[in-house]
């Protein structure tokens, strides 16, 4: 660790977005689907399995 590292202020509290967004990736085409289960993919129209 350098002196510059010791002066870094890191945010406290909850982190941002979840680390893994894999459950929102369309299995059929790989597009990112911004919806809940059973939302059709905007790119190909496939519907994700609800058992994710």
Protein backbone atom coordinates (compact mmCIF):
# COMPACT_ATOMS: atom_id res chain seq x y z
CA UNK A 1 0.00 0.00 0.00
CA UNK A 2 1.28 3.43 -0.91
CA UNK A 3 0.71 6.72 0.87
CA UNK A 4 -1.81 7.68 -1.83
CA UNK A 5 -3.86 4.52 -1.08
CA UNK A 6 -4.13 5.47 2.58
CA UNK A 7 -5.80 8.79 1.66
CA UNK A 8 -8.58 7.26 -0.45
CA UNK A 9 -12.08 7.70 0.98
CA UNK A 10 -14.34 4.77 0.23
CA UNK A 11 -18.12 5.07 0.37
CA UNK A 12 -19.91 3.54 3.32
CA UNK A 13 -23.24 1.78 3.26
CA UNK A 14 -24.81 -0.48 0.68
CA UNK A 15 -22.98 -1.09 -2.56
CA UNK A 16 -24.38 -0.29 -5.98
CA UNK A 17 -25.69 -2.82 -8.46
CA UNK A 18 -25.50 -6.56 -7.87
CA UNK A 19 -22.29 -8.17 -9.00
CA UNK A 20 -24.00 -10.76 -11.17
CA UNK A 21 -26.59 -9.72 -13.73
CA UNK A 22 -26.52 -13.16 -15.34
CA UNK A 23 -30.15 -13.82 -14.43
CA UNK A 24 -31.15 -10.89 -16.66
CA UNK A 25 -29.33 -12.13 -19.76
CA UNK A 26 -31.56 -13.74 -22.38
CA UNK A 27 -30.73 -17.44 -22.76
CA UNK A 28 -31.68 -17.39 -26.43
CA UNK A 29 -29.77 -14.38 -27.76
CA UNK A 30 -27.66 -12.93 -24.92
CA UNK A 31 -29.41 -9.55 -24.77
CA UNK A 32 -29.84 -7.81 -21.41
CA UNK A 33 -33.52 -7.94 -20.37
CA UNK A 34 -34.61 -5.17 -17.99
CA UNK A 35 -37.71 -6.76 -16.55
CA UNK A 36 -38.99 -9.32 -14.12
CA UNK A 37 -39.51 -13.01 -14.86
CA UNK A 38 -41.80 -13.72 -17.81
CA UNK A 39 -40.84 -10.44 -19.51
CA UNK A 40 -40.21 -11.20 -23.19
CA UNK A 41 -36.75 -10.36 -24.49
CA UNK A 42 -36.77 -7.04 -26.34
CA UNK A 43 -34.44 -8.50 -28.97
CA UNK A 44 -35.79 -11.96 -29.81
CA UNK A 45 -39.07 -12.29 -27.88
CA UNK A 46 -38.00 -15.34 -25.85
CA UNK A 47 -39.43 -15.63 -22.34
CA UNK A 48 -37.08 -16.68 -19.52
CA UNK A 49 -37.82 -19.70 -17.34
CA UNK A 50 -39.41 -18.63 -14.07
CA UNK A 51 -37.21 -21.09 -12.17
CA UNK A 52 -34.16 -18.87 -12.19
